[in-house]
C-alpha atoms as a PDB file:
ATOM      1  CA  MET A   1       0.000   0.000   0.000  1.00  0.00           C
ATOM      2  CA  SER A   2       1.353   3.428  -0.852  1.00  0.00           C
ATOM      3  CA  LYS A   3       1.257   6.309   1.579  1.00  0.00           C
ATOM      4  CA  LEU A   4       0.024   9.842   0.928  1.00  0.00           C
ATOM      5  CA  PRO A   5       2.713  12.522   1.232  1.00  0.00           C
ATOM      6  CA  VAL A   6       0.201  14.739   3.056  1.00  0.00           C
ATOM      7  CA  PRO A   7      -2.188  13.163   5.562  1.00  0.00           C
ATOM      8  CA  VAL A   8      -5.897  13.791   5.097  1.00  0.00           C
ATOM      9  CA  GLU A   9      -8.872  13.070   7.291  1.00  0.00           C
ATOM     10  CA  PHE A  10     -12.362  12.203   6.083  1.00  0.00           C
ATOM     11  CA  ARG A  11     -15.571  10.463   7.005  1.00  0.00           C
ATOM     12  CA  LEU A  12     -16.893   7.560   4.946  1.00  0.00           C
ATOM     13  CA  PRO A  13     -20.597   7.633   4.070  1.00  0.00           C
ATOM     14  CA  GLU A  14     -22.782   4.996   5.715  1.00  0.00           C
ATOM     15  CA  GLY A  15     -22.413   1.571   4.124  1.00  0.00           C
ATOM     16  CA  TRP A  16     -18.784   2.023   3.039  1.00  0.00           C
ATOM     17  CA  GLU A  17     -16.102  -0.106   4.694  1.00  0.00           C
ATOM     18  CA  PRO A  18     -12.314   0.219   4.505  1.00  0.00           C
ATOM     19  CA  VAL A  19     -10.438  -2.653   2.828  1.00  0.00           C
ATOM     20  CA  ARG A  20      -6.769  -3.401   2.248  1.00  0.00           C
ATOM     21  CA  PRO A  21      -6.002  -2.272  -1.338  1.00  0.00           C
ATOM     22  CA  GLU A  22      -3.584  -5.151  -1.991  1.00  0.00           C
ATOM     23  CA  GLU A  23      -6.366  -7.654  -1.222  1.00  0.00           C
ATOM     24  CA  TRP A  24      -8.257  -6.141  -4.173  1.00  0.00           C
ATOM     25  CA  GLY A  25      -5.224  -6.224  -6.475  1.00  0.00           C
ATOM     26  CA  VAL A  26      -4.523  -2.491  -6.094  1.00  0.00           C
ATOM     27  CA  ASP A  27      -0.958  -1.427  -5.315  1.00  0.00           C
ATOM     28  CA  ASN A  28      -1.036   2.345  -5.804  1.00  0.00           C
ATOM     29  CA  ALA A  29      -3.778   3.344  -3.341  1.00  0.00           C
ATOM     30  CA  ALA A  30      -3.111   4.796   0.078  1.00  0.00           C
ATOM     31  CA  PHE A  31      -6.711   4.068   1.106  1.00  0.00           C
ATOM     32  CA  MET A  32      -9.569   2.042  -0.302  1.00  0.00           C
ATOM     33  CA  ALA A  33     -13.174   1.366   0.715  1.00  0.00           C
ATOM     34  CA  VAL A  34     -16.011  -0.650  -0.805  1.00  0.00           C
ATOM     35  CA  ARG A  35     -19.792  -0.622  -0.547  1.00  0.00           C
ATOM     36  CA  ARG A  36     -20.766  -4.284  -0.541  1.00  0.00           C
ATOM     37  CA  ASP A  37     -24.497  -3.633  -0.011  1.00  0.00           C
ATOM     38  CA  ALA A  38     -24.962  -1.412  -3.083  1.00  0.00           C
ATOM     39  CA  PRO A  39     -27.829  -2.429  -5.357  1.00  0.00           C
ATOM     40  CA  GLY A  40     -26.704  -4.531  -8.324  1.00  0.00           C
ATOM     41  CA  ASP A  41     -23.847  -6.964  -8.846  1.00  0.00           C
ATOM     42  CA  TYR A  42     -20.937  -4.503  -8.965  1.00  0.00           C
ATOM     43  CA  VAL A  43     -19.213  -3.581  -5.690  1.00  0.00           C
ATOM     44  CA  PRO A  44     -18.436   0.182  -5.815  1.00  0.00           C
ATOM     45  CA  ILE A  45     -14.877   1.138  -4.894  1.00  0.00           C
ATOM     46  CA  LEU A  46     -13.564   4.388  -3.434  1.00  0.00           C
ATOM     47  CA  SER A  47      -9.808   4.984  -3.413  1.00  0.00           C
ATOM     48  CA  ILE A  48      -7.309   7.673  -2.503  1.00  0.00           C
ATOM     49  CA  SER A  49      -3.855   7.914  -4.060  1.00  0.00           C
ATOM     50  CA  GLY A  50      -1.307  10.663  -4.464  1.00  0.00           C
ATOM     51  CA  ASP A  51       2.276  11.762  -4.601  1.00  0.00           C
ATOM     52  CA  TRP A  52       4.594  14.733  -4.897  1.00  0.00           C
ATOM     53  CA  ARG A  53       4.728  16.308  -8.352  1.00  0.00           C
ATOM     54  CA  LEU A  54       7.886  18.299  -8.954  1.00  0.00           C
ATOM     55  CA  ASP A  55       7.133  19.029 -12.598  1.00  0.00           C
ATOM     56  CA  TYR A  56       5.401  22.122 -13.879  1.00  0.00           C
ATOM     57  CA  ILE A  57       2.649  20.448 -15.866  1.00  0.00           C
ATOM     58  CA  THR A  58      -0.865  21.657 -15.301  1.00  0.00           C
ATOM     59  CA  LEU A  59      -3.442  19.859 -13.213  1.00  0.00           C
ATOM     60  CA  GLU A  60      -5.437  19.458 -16.437  1.00  0.00           C
ATOM     61  CA  THR A  61      -2.507  17.556 -17.966  1.00  0.00           C
ATOM     62  CA  ILE A  62      -2.382  15.348 -14.864  1.00  0.00           C
ATOM     63  CA  ALA A  63      -6.141  14.770 -15.298  1.00  0.00           C
ATOM     64  CA  ASP A  64      -5.433  13.766 -18.920  1.00  0.00           C
ATOM     65  CA  GLU A  65      -2.795  11.312 -17.625  1.00  0.00           C
ATOM     66  CA  SER A  66      -5.439   9.821 -15.340  1.00  0.00           C
ATOM     67  CA  VAL A  67      -7.806   9.335 -18.296  1.00  0.00           C
ATOM     68  CA  GLU A  68      -5.006   7.657 -20.287  1.00  0.00           C
ATOM     69  CA  LEU A  69      -4.262   5.344 -17.350  1.00  0.00           C
ATOM     70  CA  ALA A  70      -7.943   4.348 -17.274  1.00  0.00           C
ATOM     71  CA  ARG A  71      -7.807   3.718 -21.045  1.00  0.00           C
ATOM     72  CA  ALA A  72      -4.837   1.399 -20.567  1.00  0.00           C
ATOM     73  CA  GLN A  73      -6.851  -0.659 -18.052  1.00  0.00           C
ATOM     74  CA  ALA A  74     -10.265  -0.786 -19.771  1.00  0.00           C
ATOM     75  CA  ASP A  75     -11.835  -1.691 -23.081  1.00  0.00           C
ATOM     76  CA  GLU A  76     -13.178   1.811 -23.725  1.00  0.00           C
ATOM     77  CA  VAL A  77     -13.046   5.105 -21.791  1.00  0.00           C
ATOM     78  CA  GLU A  78     -14.849   8.367 -22.542  1.00  0.00           C
ATOM     79  CA  LEU A  79     -14.388  11.647 -20.679  1.00  0.00           C
ATOM     80  CA  LEU A  80     -18.006  12.612 -19.954  1.00  0.00           C
ATOM     81  CA  ASP A  81     -17.440  15.794 -17.936  1.00  0.00           C
ATOM     82  CA  ARG A  82     -14.610  17.882 -16.473  1.00  0.00           C
ATOM     83  CA  LYS A  83     -14.733  20.979 -14.279  1.00  0.00           C
ATOM     84  CA  GLU A  84     -12.046  23.063 -12.629  1.00  0.00           C
ATOM     85  CA  ILE A  85     -12.813  23.618  -8.948  1.00  0.00           C
ATOM     86  CA  GLY A  86     -10.806  24.758  -5.945  1.00  0.00           C
ATOM     87  CA  SER A  87      -8.546  27.805  -5.580  1.00  0.00           C
ATOM     88  CA  GLU A  88      -5.149  29.009  -6.817  1.00  0.00           C
ATOM     89  CA  GLU A  89      -3.422  27.555  -3.722  1.00  0.00           C
ATOM     90  CA  ALA A  90      -5.457  24.339  -3.833  1.00  0.00           C
ATOM     91  CA  PRO A  91      -6.596  23.791  -7.416  1.00  0.00           C
ATOM     92  CA  ALA A  92      -8.732  20.767  -8.207  1.00  0.00           C
ATOM     93  CA  ILE A  93     -10.393  19.110 -11.162  1.00  0.00           C
ATOM     94  CA  LEU A  94     -13.561  17.050 -11.035  1.00  0.00           C
ATOM     95  CA  GLN A  95     -14.017  14.633 -13.913  1.00  0.00           C
ATOM     96  CA  LEU A  96     -16.433  11.870 -14.799  1.00  0.00           C
ATOM     97  CA  LEU A  97     -15.444   8.955 -17.003  1.00  0.00           C
ATOM     98  CA  GLY A  98     -17.652   6.466 -18.805  1.00  0.00           C
ATOM     99  CA  VAL A  99     -15.815   3.136 -18.772  1.00  0.00           C
ATOM    100  CA  ASN A 100     -16.533  -0.143 -20.528  1.00  0.00           C
ATOM    101  CA  ALA A 101     -14.423  -2.853 -18.927  1.00  0.00           C
ATOM    102  CA  THR A 102     -14.222  -6.613 -18.853  1.00  0.00           C
ATOM    103  CA  ILE A 103     -13.664  -7.919 -15.327  1.00  0.00           C
ATOM    104  CA  ASP A 104     -13.336 -11.660 -14.735  1.00  0.00           C
ATOM    105  CA  GLY A 105     -14.802 -12.298 -18.201  1.00  0.00           C
ATOM    106  CA  ARG A 106     -17.867 -10.102 -17.634  1.00  0.00           C
ATOM    107  CA  GLY A 107     -18.511  -6.816 -19.436  1.00  0.00           C
ATOM    108  CA  TRP A 108     -19.406  -3.797 -17.309  1.00  0.00           C
ATOM    109  CA  GLU A 109     -20.602  -0.285 -18.093  1.00  0.00           C
ATOM    110  CA  LEU A 110     -19.007   1.761 -15.317  1.00  0.00           C
ATOM    111  CA  ARG A 111     -18.796   5.352 -14.146  1.00  0.00           C
ATOM    112  CA  GLN A 112     -15.650   6.673 -12.546  1.00  0.00           C
ATOM    113  CA  GLY A 113     -15.687   9.968 -10.704  1.00  0.00           C
ATOM    114  CA  GLN A 114     -12.327  11.561  -9.949  1.00  0.00           C
ATOM    115  CA  VAL A 115     -11.278  14.605  -7.973  1.00  0.00           C
ATOM    116  CA  LEU A 116      -7.664  15.566  -8.594  1.00  0.00           C
ATOM    117  CA  SER A 117      -6.552  17.957  -5.882  1.00  0.00           C
ATOM    118  CA  GLY A 118      -3.304  19.915  -5.885  1.00  0.00           C
ATOM    119  CA  LEU A 119      -1.757  21.266  -2.699  1.00  0.00           C
ATOM    120  CA  VAL A 120       1.038  23.775  -3.309  1.00  0.00           C
ATOM    121  CA  ASP A 121       3.911  24.016  -0.804  1.00  0.00           C
ATOM    122  CA  VAL A 122       3.748  27.704   0.167  1.00  0.00           C
ATOM    123  CA  LYS A 123       7.465  27.712   1.083  1.00  0.00           C
ATOM    124  CA  ASP A 124       8.466  26.234  -2.281  1.00  0.00           C
ATOM    125  CA  PRO A 125       5.805  26.700  -4.997  1.00  0.00           C
ATOM    126  CA  SER A 126       7.697  24.345  -7.333  1.00  0.00           C
ATOM    127  CA  ARG A 127       6.654  21.518  -5.004  1.00  0.00           C
ATOM    128  CA  ARG A 128       3.099  20.264  -4.846  1.00  0.00           C
ATOM    129  CA  VAL A 129       1.188  17.206  -3.847  1.00  0.00           C
ATOM    130  CA  VAL A 130      -1.504  15.832  -6.128  1.00  0.00           C
ATOM    131  CA  VAL A 131      -4.070  13.621  -4.434  1.00  0.00           C
ATOM    132  CA  ILE A 132      -6.593  11.707  -6.533  1.00  0.00           C
ATOM    133  CA  TYR A 133      -9.909  10.657  -4.990  1.00  0.00           C
ATOM    134  CA  THR A 134     -11.698   8.094  -7.171  1.00  0.00           C
ATOM    135  CA  VAL A 135     -15.027   6.314  -7.018  1.00  0.00           C
ATOM    136  CA  THR A 136     -15.924   3.547  -9.469  1.00  0.00           C
ATOM    137  CA  CYS A 137     -19.357   1.981  -9.781  1.00  0.00           C
ATOM    138  CA  ALA A 138     -21.740   0.486 -12.318  1.00  0.00           C
ATOM    139  CA  ALA A 139     -23.434   3.126 -14.483  1.00  0.00           C
ATOM    140  CA  GLU A 140     -26.846   2.357 -12.941  1.00  0.00           C
ATOM    141  CA  GLN A 141     -25.416   2.844  -9.425  1.00  0.00           C
ATOM    142  CA  PHE A 142     -23.992   6.294 -10.124  1.00  0.00           C
ATOM    143  CA  ASP A 143     -27.035   8.324  -9.031  1.00  0.00           C
ATOM    144  CA  VAL A 144     -26.655   6.965  -5.493  1.00  0.00           C
ATOM    145  CA  VAL A 145     -22.896   6.365  -5.368  1.00  0.00           C
ATOM    146  CA  GLY A 146     -22.129   9.745  -6.968  1.00  0.00           C
ATOM    147  CA  ARG A 147     -24.072  11.529  -4.203  1.00  0.00           C
ATOM    148  CA  GLU A 148     -22.227   9.481  -1.598  1.00  0.00           C
ATOM    149  CA  PHE A 149     -18.903  10.435  -3.205  1.00  0.00           C
ATOM    150  CA  GLN A 150     -19.897  14.121  -3.027  1.00  0.00           C
ATOM    151  CA  ALA A 151     -20.756  13.680   0.666  1.00  0.00           C
ATOM    152  CA  PHE A 152     -17.404  11.959   1.222  1.00  0.00           C
ATOM    153  CA  MET A 153     -15.493  14.739  -0.568  1.00  0.00           C
ATOM    154  CA  SER A 154     -17.206  17.376   1.600  1.00  0.00           C
ATOM    155  CA  THR A 155     -15.520  15.798   4.657  1.00  0.00           C
ATOM    156  CA  VAL A 156     -11.954  15.612   3.255  1.00  0.00           C
ATOM    157  CA  LYS A 157      -9.466  17.896   5.027  1.00  0.00           C
ATOM    158  CA  PRO A 158      -5.651  18.033   4.933  1.00  0.00           C
ATOM    159  CA  VAL A 159      -4.049  17.421   8.334  1.00  0.00           C
ATOM    160  CA  ALA A 160      -1.001  19.401   9.442  1.00  0.00           C
ATOM    161  CA  PRO A 161       2.058  17.475  10.674  1.00  0.00           C
ATOM    162  CA  ASP A 162       1.079  18.310  14.284  1.00  0.00           C
ATOM    163  CA  GLY A 163      -2.278  16.575  13.702  1.00  0.00           C
ATOM    164  CA  SER A 164      -4.415  19.715  13.505  1.00  0.00           C
ATOM    165  CA  ASN A 165      -6.626  20.541  10.542  1.00  0.00           C
ATOM    166  CA  SER A 166      -4.786  22.672   8.062  1.00  0.00           C
ATOM    167  CA  SER A 167      -5.846  24.680   5.119  1.00  0.00           C
ATOM    168  CA  PRO A 168      -3.518  24.308   2.114  1.00  0.00           C
ATOM    169  CA  GLU A 169      -2.308  27.872   2.696  1.00  0.00           C
ATOM    170  CA  SER A 170      -0.778  26.879   6.036  1.00  0.00           C
ATOM    171  CA  SER A 171       0.664  23.513   5.027  1.00  0.00           C
END
């Protein structure tokens, strides 16, 4: 399991349970949760990953990289929506992907919501952390799971090294 370079705190929506990413074949997530009781056969997955980015590429380019990574892992991927959110010190991009994937021999029409969040080091603006929050579910589950992901994202807060809540400006 990877570790986030900046700790965050959050609250999972009801029905979501933490799981060990490696038990689900995921090696790049710092955190993962599933919702086993979701309607339908697909088990929705929520994950958090991230790392330092010392390059000067835009968050939009990083979002494009994320889409290309999804394309490398699925049969077909379409960018359905993308919005810039956040602030200059903590820019973020929200994007929604339509994904057709074959998992264990079964075809799935999936939705993947991603929030890519950048946290700039105020002491050294060339350094930033990019954290990617992802939820994946069957297309027919997205009305419910998408709302739960929004509720989850509303609870996410960076934590300062001393354990107190920190805004990106004071990190």
